[in-house]
Amino acid sequence: MMTLAEAAAELDIEASAIAKALAEGRCIGIVDSAGDLRLPIWQFEPTVWFEIELIGEQLGSVDGWTLLQFLEVPSASLEGISPRMALERGVPRERVLAAAASYAH
């Protein structure tokens, strides 16, 4: 996990651009127990980054904890691997989105 400032520095963009992506559900941000905003590092990988908004639409949520839980928990519909791992392994986006739609219901 990284802070907003760390993510902005890593991506070489303004923190405000990431904050906008968070507000629009195109980025995952969670508030930890200390009240600090944290962003999963792996979400900035191209195999995941371009799918987050679509997954949020299928889940019906832009809540960071909801997105994080879906992406990290193994899914029976994806042969027991997490949706994040499925994306990283090249499983077609349609299968992951179908898993998200199923998870939402």
N, C-alpha and C. Protein backbone atom coordinates (compact mmCIF):
# COMPACT_ATOMS: atom_id res chain seq x y z
N MET A 1 0.84 -1.18 0.00
CA MET A 1 0.00 0.00 0.00
C MET A 1 0.89 1.24 0.00
N MET A 2 0.40 2.27 -0.67
CA MET A 2 1.15 3.52 -0.71
C MET A 2 0.21 4.69 -0.43
N THR A 3 0.80 5.81 -0.07
CA THR A 3 0.02 7.02 0.16
C THR A 3 -0.30 7.67 -1.17
N LEU A 4 -1.16 8.64 -1.13
CA LEU A 4 -1.50 9.39 -2.34
C LEU A 4 -0.27 10.09 -2.90
N ALA A 5 0.52 10.69 -2.02
CA ALA A 5 1.74 11.38 -2.46
C ALA A 5 2.73 10.40 -3.09
N GLU A 6 2.88 9.23 -2.49
CA GLU A 6 3.79 8.23 -3.04
C GLU A 6 3.32 7.75 -4.41
N ALA A 7 2.01 7.53 -4.55
CA ALA A 7 1.46 7.10 -5.83
C ALA A 7 1.68 8.16 -6.89
N ALA A 8 1.45 9.42 -6.54
CA ALA A 8 1.65 10.51 -7.50
C ALA A 8 3.10 10.58 -7.94
N ALA A 9 4.02 10.43 -6.99
CA ALA A 9 5.45 10.47 -7.33
C ALA A 9 5.83 9.28 -8.20
N GLU A 10 5.32 8.11 -7.87
CA GLU A 10 5.61 6.89 -8.63
C GLU A 10 5.12 6.99 -10.07
N LEU A 11 3.93 7.56 -10.23
CA LEU A 11 3.33 7.68 -11.56
C LEU A 11 3.73 8.97 -12.28
N ASP A 12 4.40 9.85 -11.56
CA ASP A 12 4.83 11.14 -12.09
C ASP A 12 3.64 11.96 -12.60
N ILE A 13 2.60 12.01 -11.76
CA ILE A 13 1.43 12.82 -12.05
C ILE A 13 1.04 13.59 -10.79
N GLU A 14 0.16 14.54 -10.93
CA GLU A 14 -0.32 15.32 -9.79
C GLU A 14 -1.21 14.46 -8.89
N ALA A 15 -1.09 14.67 -7.59
CA ALA A 15 -1.94 13.96 -6.63
C ALA A 15 -3.41 14.24 -6.91
N SER A 16 -3.71 15.42 -7.41
CA SER A 16 -5.11 15.78 -7.71
C SER A 16 -5.69 14.88 -8.80
N ALA A 17 -4.87 14.43 -9.73
CA ALA A 17 -5.34 13.53 -10.79
C ALA A 17 -5.74 12.18 -10.19
N ILE A 18 -4.96 11.72 -9.23
CA ILE A 18 -5.30 10.45 -8.57
C ILE A 18 -6.53 10.65 -7.71
N ALA A 19 -6.63 11.78 -7.01
CA ALA A 19 -7.81 12.06 -6.19
C ALA A 19 -9.07 12.08 -7.05
N LYS A 20 -8.98 12.64 -8.24
CA LYS A 20 -10.12 12.67 -9.16
C LYS A 20 -10.49 11.24 -9.57
N ALA A 21 -9.47 10.43 -9.89
CA ALA A 21 -9.72 9.03 -10.25
C ALA A 21 -10.39 8.28 -9.10
N LEU A 22 -9.97 8.56 -7.88
CA LEU A 22 -10.60 7.95 -6.70
C LEU A 22 -12.07 8.33 -6.62
N ALA A 23 -12.36 9.60 -6.79
CA ALA A 23 -13.73 10.09 -6.69
C ALA A 23 -14.63 9.52 -7.77
N GLU A 24 -14.05 9.24 -8.93
CA GLU A 24 -14.82 8.72 -10.07
C GLU A 24 -14.86 7.20 -10.11
N GLY A 25 -14.23 6.53 -9.15
CA GLY A 25 -14.25 5.08 -9.12
C GLY A 25 -13.30 4.42 -10.09
N ARG A 26 -12.29 5.16 -10.55
CA ARG A 26 -11.31 4.60 -11.48
C ARG A 26 -10.04 4.18 -10.76
N CYS A 27 -10.05 4.28 -9.44
CA CYS A 27 -8.87 4.00 -8.63
C CYS A 27 -9.36 3.51 -7.27
N ILE A 28 -8.58 2.66 -6.64
CA ILE A 28 -8.94 2.12 -5.33
C ILE A 28 -8.17 2.85 -4.24
N GLY A 29 -8.90 3.39 -3.30
CA GLY A 29 -8.31 4.00 -2.12
C GLY A 29 -9.08 3.54 -0.91
N ILE A 30 -8.37 3.19 0.14
CA ILE A 30 -9.03 2.78 1.38
C ILE A 30 -8.44 3.58 2.53
N VAL A 31 -9.23 3.74 3.55
CA VAL A 31 -8.77 4.43 4.75
C VAL A 31 -8.43 3.35 5.77
N ASP A 32 -7.18 3.37 6.25
CA ASP A 32 -6.76 2.35 7.19
C ASP A 32 -7.22 2.69 8.61
N SER A 33 -6.89 1.83 9.55
CA SER A 33 -7.35 2.00 10.93
C SER A 33 -6.83 3.27 11.58
N ALA A 34 -5.74 3.82 11.06
CA ALA A 34 -5.20 5.08 11.59
C ALA A 34 -5.85 6.29 10.92
N GLY A 35 -6.75 6.03 9.96
CA GLY A 35 -7.43 7.12 9.27
C GLY A 35 -6.67 7.66 8.06
N ASP A 36 -5.62 6.95 7.64
CA ASP A 36 -4.82 7.39 6.50
C ASP A 36 -5.29 6.72 5.22
N LEU A 37 -5.32 7.48 4.13
CA LEU A 37 -5.68 6.94 2.83
C LEU A 37 -4.52 6.13 2.29
N ARG A 38 -4.82 4.91 1.83
CA ARG A 38 -3.82 4.02 1.24
C ARG A 38 -4.33 3.52 -0.09
N LEU A 39 -3.39 3.32 -1.01
CA LEU A 39 -3.73 2.84 -2.35
C LEU A 39 -2.92 1.58 -2.63
N PRO A 40 -3.59 0.50 -3.07
CA PRO A 40 -2.85 -0.71 -3.43
C PRO A 40 -1.90 -0.43 -4.60
N ILE A 41 -0.67 -0.80 -4.45
CA ILE A 41 0.34 -0.56 -5.48
C ILE A 41 0.00 -1.28 -6.77
N TRP A 42 -0.46 -2.52 -6.66
CA TRP A 42 -0.70 -3.35 -7.84
C TRP A 42 -1.77 -2.79 -8.77
N GLN A 43 -2.64 -1.91 -8.28
CA GLN A 43 -3.71 -1.40 -9.15
C GLN A 43 -3.19 -0.54 -10.29
N PHE A 44 -1.96 -0.07 -10.18
CA PHE A 44 -1.39 0.79 -11.22
C PHE A 44 -0.75 0.00 -12.36
N GLU A 45 -0.75 -1.32 -12.24
CA GLU A 45 -0.28 -2.17 -13.34
C GLU A 45 -1.32 -2.12 -14.46
N PRO A 46 -0.90 -2.02 -15.70
CA PRO A 46 -1.86 -1.89 -16.80
C PRO A 46 -2.90 -3.01 -16.87
N THR A 47 -2.55 -4.21 -16.47
CA THR A 47 -3.51 -5.31 -16.54
C THR A 47 -4.68 -5.12 -15.59
N VAL A 48 -4.50 -4.32 -14.56
CA VAL A 48 -5.56 -4.06 -13.58
C VAL A 48 -6.12 -2.65 -13.75
N TRP A 49 -5.25 -1.68 -13.95
CA TRP A 49 -5.63 -0.26 -13.97
C TRP A 49 -6.81 0.03 -14.88
N PHE A 50 -6.80 -0.50 -16.07
CA PHE A 50 -7.84 -0.18 -17.04
C PHE A 50 -9.15 -0.91 -16.79
N GLU A 51 -9.16 -1.82 -15.83
CA GLU A 51 -10.36 -2.61 -15.54
C GLU A 51 -11.11 -2.15 -14.30
N ILE A 52 -10.49 -1.36 -13.45
CA ILE A 52 -11.09 -1.01 -12.16
C ILE A 52 -12.44 -0.34 -12.32
N GLU A 53 -12.53 0.63 -13.20
CA GLU A 53 -13.81 1.33 -13.37
C GLU A 53 -14.90 0.38 -13.84
N LEU A 54 -14.58 -0.50 -14.78
CA LEU A 54 -15.57 -1.46 -15.28
C LEU A 54 -16.01 -2.44 -14.20
N ILE A 55 -15.05 -2.85 -13.39
CA ILE A 55 -15.38 -3.76 -12.28
C ILE A 55 -16.29 -3.05 -11.29
N GLY A 56 -15.98 -1.81 -10.97
CA GLY A 56 -16.83 -1.03 -10.07
C GLY A 56 -18.25 -0.90 -10.60
N GLU A 57 -18.38 -0.71 -11.90
CA GLU A 57 -19.70 -0.63 -12.51
C GLU A 57 -20.46 -1.94 -12.32
N GLN A 58 -19.78 -3.06 -12.52
CA GLN A 58 -20.44 -4.36 -12.34
C GLN A 58 -20.80 -4.61 -10.88
N LEU A 59 -19.95 -4.14 -9.98
CA LEU A 59 -20.23 -4.31 -8.55
C LEU A 59 -21.28 -3.32 -8.06
N GLY A 60 -21.47 -2.25 -8.81
CA GLY A 60 -22.40 -1.21 -8.39
C GLY A 60 -21.83 -0.37 -7.25
N SER A 61 -20.50 -0.22 -7.23
CA SER A 61 -19.86 0.49 -6.12
C SER A 61 -18.52 1.08 -6.54
N VAL A 62 -18.20 2.22 -5.95
CA VAL A 62 -16.86 2.80 -6.10
C VAL A 62 -16.13 2.76 -4.76
N ASP A 63 -16.74 2.10 -3.78
CA ASP A 63 -16.14 1.98 -2.46
C ASP A 63 -14.84 1.18 -2.53
N GLY A 64 -13.76 1.76 -2.02
CA GLY A 64 -12.46 1.11 -2.08
C GLY A 64 -12.41 -0.25 -1.42
N TRP A 65 -13.04 -0.39 -0.26
CA TRP A 65 -13.02 -1.68 0.44
C TRP A 65 -13.78 -2.74 -0.38
N THR A 66 -14.88 -2.35 -1.00
CA THR A 66 -15.66 -3.30 -1.81
C THR A 66 -14.83 -3.77 -3.00
N LEU A 67 -14.22 -2.82 -3.70
CA LEU A 67 -13.38 -3.17 -4.84
C LEU A 67 -12.20 -4.03 -4.41
N LEU A 68 -11.55 -3.65 -3.33
CA LEU A 68 -10.38 -4.39 -2.85
C LEU A 68 -10.77 -5.82 -2.48
N GLN A 69 -11.85 -5.97 -1.76
CA GLN A 69 -12.28 -7.31 -1.36
C GLN A 69 -12.58 -8.17 -2.58
N PHE A 70 -13.33 -7.63 -3.52
CA PHE A 70 -13.63 -8.41 -4.72
C PHE A 70 -12.35 -8.83 -5.44
N LEU A 71 -11.45 -7.90 -5.63
CA LEU A 71 -10.24 -8.18 -6.41
C LEU A 71 -9.27 -9.13 -5.72
N GLU A 72 -9.28 -9.17 -4.40
CA GLU A 72 -8.30 -9.97 -3.67
C GLU A 72 -8.78 -11.34 -3.20
N VAL A 73 -10.09 -11.54 -3.14
CA VAL A 73 -10.62 -12.81 -2.61
C VAL A 73 -10.75 -13.83 -3.75
N PRO A 74 -10.25 -15.06 -3.54
CA PRO A 74 -10.39 -16.10 -4.56
C PRO A 74 -11.85 -16.29 -4.96
N SER A 75 -12.06 -16.54 -6.24
CA SER A 75 -13.40 -16.67 -6.79
C SER A 75 -13.59 -18.06 -7.40
N ALA A 76 -14.66 -18.71 -7.01
CA ALA A 76 -14.96 -20.03 -7.57
C ALA A 76 -15.19 -19.94 -9.08
N SER A 77 -15.76 -18.83 -9.53
CA SER A 77 -16.02 -18.69 -10.97
C SER A 77 -14.76 -18.42 -11.78
N LEU A 78 -13.65 -18.21 -11.09
CA LEU A 78 -12.35 -18.02 -11.75
C LEU A 78 -11.37 -19.12 -11.34
N GLU A 79 -11.90 -20.31 -11.15
CA GLU A 79 -11.11 -21.49 -10.77
C GLU A 79 -10.32 -21.29 -9.48
N GLY A 80 -10.88 -20.53 -8.57
CA GLY A 80 -10.27 -20.38 -7.25
C GLY A 80 -9.16 -19.34 -7.14
N ILE A 81 -8.92 -18.58 -8.19
CA ILE A 81 -7.92 -17.51 -8.07
C ILE A 81 -8.66 -16.18 -7.91
N SER A 82 -7.97 -15.21 -7.37
CA SER A 82 -8.59 -13.90 -7.18
C SER A 82 -8.76 -13.20 -8.53
N PRO A 83 -9.74 -12.33 -8.64
CA PRO A 83 -9.90 -11.58 -9.88
C PRO A 83 -8.64 -10.79 -10.26
N ARG A 84 -7.94 -10.25 -9.29
CA ARG A 84 -6.70 -9.53 -9.61
C ARG A 84 -5.69 -10.47 -10.25
N MET A 85 -5.52 -11.64 -9.68
CA MET A 85 -4.59 -12.62 -10.25
C MET A 85 -5.06 -13.06 -11.63
N ALA A 86 -6.37 -13.21 -11.79
CA ALA A 86 -6.90 -13.59 -13.09
C ALA A 86 -6.53 -12.55 -14.15
N LEU A 87 -6.71 -11.27 -13.82
CA LEU A 87 -6.35 -10.22 -14.76
C LEU A 87 -4.85 -10.25 -15.07
N GLU A 88 -4.05 -10.42 -14.03
CA GLU A 88 -2.60 -10.44 -14.21
C GLU A 88 -2.16 -11.63 -15.05
N ARG A 89 -2.92 -12.72 -15.01
CA ARG A 89 -2.58 -13.93 -15.77
C ARG A 89 -3.20 -13.93 -17.17
N GLY A 90 -3.92 -12.87 -17.51
CA GLY A 90 -4.46 -12.76 -18.85
C GLY A 90 -5.83 -13.39 -19.06
N VAL A 91 -6.52 -13.70 -17.97
CA VAL A 91 -7.89 -14.21 -18.12
C VAL A 91 -8.70 -13.09 -18.79
N PRO A 92 -9.54 -13.43 -19.76
CA PRO A 92 -10.31 -12.40 -20.46
C PRO A 92 -11.13 -11.52 -19.51
N ARG A 93 -11.13 -10.26 -19.81
CA ARG A 93 -11.85 -9.26 -19.01
C ARG A 93 -13.31 -9.66 -18.82
N GLU A 94 -13.93 -10.22 -19.83
CA GLU A 94 -15.34 -10.58 -19.76
C GLU A 94 -15.61 -11.58 -18.63
N ARG A 95 -14.69 -12.51 -18.41
CA ARG A 95 -14.86 -13.48 -17.32
C ARG A 95 -14.77 -12.81 -15.97
N VAL A 96 -13.85 -11.87 -15.83
CA VAL A 96 -13.70 -11.16 -14.56
C VAL A 96 -14.91 -10.26 -14.31
N LEU A 97 -15.38 -9.60 -15.35
CA LEU A 97 -16.56 -8.75 -15.21
C LEU A 97 -17.80 -9.58 -14.88
N ALA A 98 -17.90 -10.76 -15.47
CA ALA A 98 -19.03 -11.65 -15.14
C ALA A 98 -18.94 -12.08 -13.67
N ALA A 99 -17.74 -12.34 -13.20
CA ALA A 99 -17.55 -12.70 -11.79
C ALA A 99 -17.97 -11.53 -10.89
N ALA A 100 -17.65 -10.32 -11.31
CA ALA A 100 -18.04 -9.13 -10.53
C ALA A 100 -19.54 -8.98 -10.49
N ALA A 101 -20.20 -9.18 -11.62
CA ALA A 101 -21.66 -9.08 -11.67
C ALA A 101 -22.29 -10.13 -10.77
N SER A 102 -21.75 -11.33 -10.78
CA SER A 102 -22.26 -12.40 -9.94
C SER A 102 -22.03 -12.09 -8.47
N TYR A 103 -20.86 -11.57 -8.15
CA TYR A 103 -20.50 -11.21 -6.78
C TYR A 103 -21.45 -10.14 -6.23
N ALA A 104 -21.86 -9.23 -7.10
CA ALA A 104 -22.72 -8.12 -6.67
C ALA A 104 -24.13 -8.58 -6.30
N HIS A 105 -24.53 -9.76 -6.79
CA HIS A 105 -25.89 -10.22 -6.54
C HIS A 105 -25.89 -11.23 -5.48
